[in-house]
């Protein structure tokens, strides 16, 4: 079961990377993916105690060390917020998930249909790199 969960999260994380959803900050590579929670299977959502409905989404962040062979995942302090077009701020509370050598930071947030959110995320991996990740994405509610 654990392997299945790792593969599901890895596939969700890997799909957006084709679009180049990462940012290099000093010696780290920060990968990010925001998606509607209905993309998760009920089993994965339950195992990570995540809400799974059309009005919630998840931000997944992973920090990799570019100066080590194979770019292993490393721990970091991740904090941030999302803001919609009318200035409403949605604080993001990240939970660290470790599965084998993979480390993910997950945050849940509510969404409205066709809502544009701008994410402002601070990443602190100590001497490896500290910086800000900023991106925007449009979300659609799934009923």
Protein backbone atom coordinates (compact mmCIF):
# COMPACT_ATOMS: atom_id res chain seq x y z
CA UNK A 1 0.00 0.00 0.00
CA UNK A 2 2.81 2.39 0.92
CA UNK A 3 4.52 1.85 -2.43
CA UNK A 4 1.25 2.59 -4.21
CA UNK A 5 0.89 5.88 -2.32
CA UNK A 6 4.46 6.87 -3.16
CA UNK A 7 3.89 6.12 -6.84
CA UNK A 8 0.65 8.10 -6.91
CA UNK A 9 2.23 11.15 -5.29
CA UNK A 10 5.30 10.84 -7.48
CA UNK A 11 3.18 10.70 -10.61
CA UNK A 12 1.19 13.74 -9.55
CA UNK A 13 4.44 15.52 -8.84
CA UNK A 14 6.11 14.41 -12.07
CA UNK A 15 3.35 15.32 -14.52
CA UNK A 16 3.68 19.09 -14.15
CA UNK A 17 7.48 18.93 -14.29
CA UNK A 18 7.20 18.46 -18.05
CA UNK A 19 5.92 22.02 -18.12
CA UNK A 20 9.05 23.13 -16.28
CA UNK A 21 7.40 23.88 -12.94
CA UNK A 22 10.55 24.34 -10.92
CA UNK A 23 12.84 27.13 -9.87
CA UNK A 24 16.56 27.02 -9.16
CA UNK A 25 17.64 28.86 -6.03
CA UNK A 26 21.36 28.74 -5.33
CA UNK A 27 22.10 24.98 -4.81
CA UNK A 28 18.48 23.78 -4.74
CA UNK A 29 15.80 23.01 -7.27
CA UNK A 30 12.26 23.71 -6.02
CA UNK A 31 9.54 21.74 -7.80
CA UNK A 32 5.92 22.76 -7.36
CA UNK A 33 2.52 21.55 -8.42
CA UNK A 34 -0.93 22.88 -7.51
CA UNK A 35 -3.96 20.75 -8.36
CA UNK A 36 -7.56 20.10 -7.43
CA UNK A 37 -7.84 17.59 -4.59
CA UNK A 38 -10.17 15.40 -6.68
CA UNK A 39 -7.06 14.32 -8.64
CA UNK A 40 -6.13 12.25 -5.58
CA UNK A 41 -7.70 8.85 -5.13
CA UNK A 42 -9.90 8.53 -2.04
CA UNK A 43 -7.31 6.16 -0.51
CA UNK A 44 -4.40 8.61 -0.93
CA UNK A 45 -6.46 11.54 0.39
CA UNK A 46 -7.51 9.49 3.41
CA UNK A 47 -4.00 8.23 4.19
CA UNK A 48 -2.64 11.80 4.25
CA UNK A 49 -5.76 13.22 5.93
CA UNK A 50 -6.44 15.55 2.99
CA UNK A 51 -9.85 16.84 1.99
CA UNK A 52 -11.00 15.49 -1.34
CA UNK A 53 -13.72 17.62 -2.91
CA UNK A 54 -14.23 19.97 -5.82
CA UNK A 55 -13.72 23.07 -3.69
CA UNK A 56 -10.28 22.29 -2.32
CA UNK A 57 -6.85 22.13 -3.90
CA UNK A 58 -3.37 21.08 -2.87
CA UNK A 59 0.03 22.66 -3.35
CA UNK A 60 2.88 20.13 -3.48
CA UNK A 61 6.47 21.36 -3.10
CA UNK A 62 9.68 19.36 -3.17
CA UNK A 63 13.20 20.69 -2.64
CA UNK A 64 16.11 18.91 -4.32
CA UNK A 65 19.85 19.34 -3.75
CA UNK A 66 21.39 20.03 -7.18
CA UNK A 67 24.96 19.64 -5.89
CA UNK A 68 24.56 15.99 -4.90
CA UNK A 69 24.48 13.09 -7.35
CA UNK A 70 20.91 12.17 -8.25
CA UNK A 71 19.50 15.40 -6.81
CA UNK A 72 18.19 13.94 -3.54
CA UNK A 73 15.28 15.55 -1.71
CA UNK A 74 16.28 17.68 1.27
CA UNK A 75 14.36 19.26 4.12
CA UNK A 76 13.51 22.94 4.08
CA UNK A 77 11.32 25.44 5.84
CA UNK A 78 8.38 26.22 3.56
CA UNK A 79 5.82 28.92 4.27
CA UNK A 80 3.61 31.13 2.18
CA UNK A 81 0.26 32.34 1.05
CA UNK A 82 -2.03 32.54 -1.95
CA UNK A 83 -3.87 35.67 -3.01
CA UNK A 84 -6.81 35.99 -5.39
CA UNK A 85 -7.50 38.84 -7.81
CA UNK A 86 -9.53 40.86 -5.30
CA UNK A 87 -6.75 40.67 -2.71
CA UNK A 88 -8.11 37.98 -0.40
CA UNK A 89 -5.23 36.15 1.24
CA UNK A 90 -5.24 32.43 1.91
CA UNK A 91 -2.50 31.46 4.37
CA UNK A 92 -0.88 28.13 3.50
CA UNK A 93 0.09 25.67 6.22
CA UNK A 94 2.53 23.09 4.92
CA UNK A 95 2.82 19.56 6.23
CA UNK A 96 6.03 17.64 5.61
CA UNK A 97 5.57 14.13 4.21
CA UNK A 98 8.50 11.70 4.10
CA UNK A 99 8.16 8.53 2.06
CA UNK A 100 11.46 6.70 1.75
CA UNK A 101 13.92 9.17 0.23
CA UNK A 102 11.15 11.49 -1.02
CA UNK A 103 10.19 14.59 0.94
CA UNK A 104 7.08 16.60 0.06
CA UNK A 105 5.52 19.70 1.55
CA UNK A 106 1.74 19.72 1.13
CA UNK A 107 -0.71 22.56 1.78
CA UNK A 108 -4.48 22.46 1.34
CA UNK A 109 -6.52 25.52 0.39
CA UNK A 110 -10.04 26.32 -0.75
CA UNK A 111 -10.84 27.36 -4.30
CA UNK A 112 -13.71 28.95 -6.21
CA UNK A 113 -14.59 28.24 -9.82
CA UNK A 114 -12.26 29.97 -12.29
CA UNK A 115 -10.29 31.53 -9.45
CA UNK A 116 -6.85 32.93 -10.26
CA UNK A 117 -4.44 32.59 -7.37
CA UNK A 118 -0.96 34.03 -7.02
CA UNK A 119 1.27 31.98 -4.75
CA UNK A 120 4.07 33.60 -2.78
CA UNK A 121 6.19 30.91 -1.12
CA UNK A 122 9.35 31.32 0.98
CA UNK A 123 11.81 28.43 0.79
CA UNK A 124 14.63 28.15 3.32
CA UNK A 125 17.04 25.25 2.87
CA UNK A 126 19.75 26.87 4.99
CA UNK A 127 23.18 27.18 3.36
CA UNK A 128 21.92 25.29 0.27
CA UNK A 129 19.58 28.11 -0.69
CA UNK A 130 16.95 30.55 0.47
CA UNK A 131 14.54 32.36 -1.78
CA UNK A 132 11.05 33.07 -2.95
CA UNK A 133 8.88 31.11 -5.34
CA UNK A 134 6.09 33.09 -6.99
CA UNK A 135 3.61 31.78 -9.56
CA UNK A 136 -0.03 32.12 -10.59
CA UNK A 137 -2.57 29.49 -11.53
CA UNK A 138 -6.25 29.32 -12.42
CA UNK A 139 -8.46 26.74 -10.71
CA UNK A 140 -11.78 25.20 -11.66
CA UNK A 141 -14.29 23.69 -9.26
CA UNK A 142 -15.26 20.10 -9.92
CA UNK A 143 -18.75 19.13 -8.82
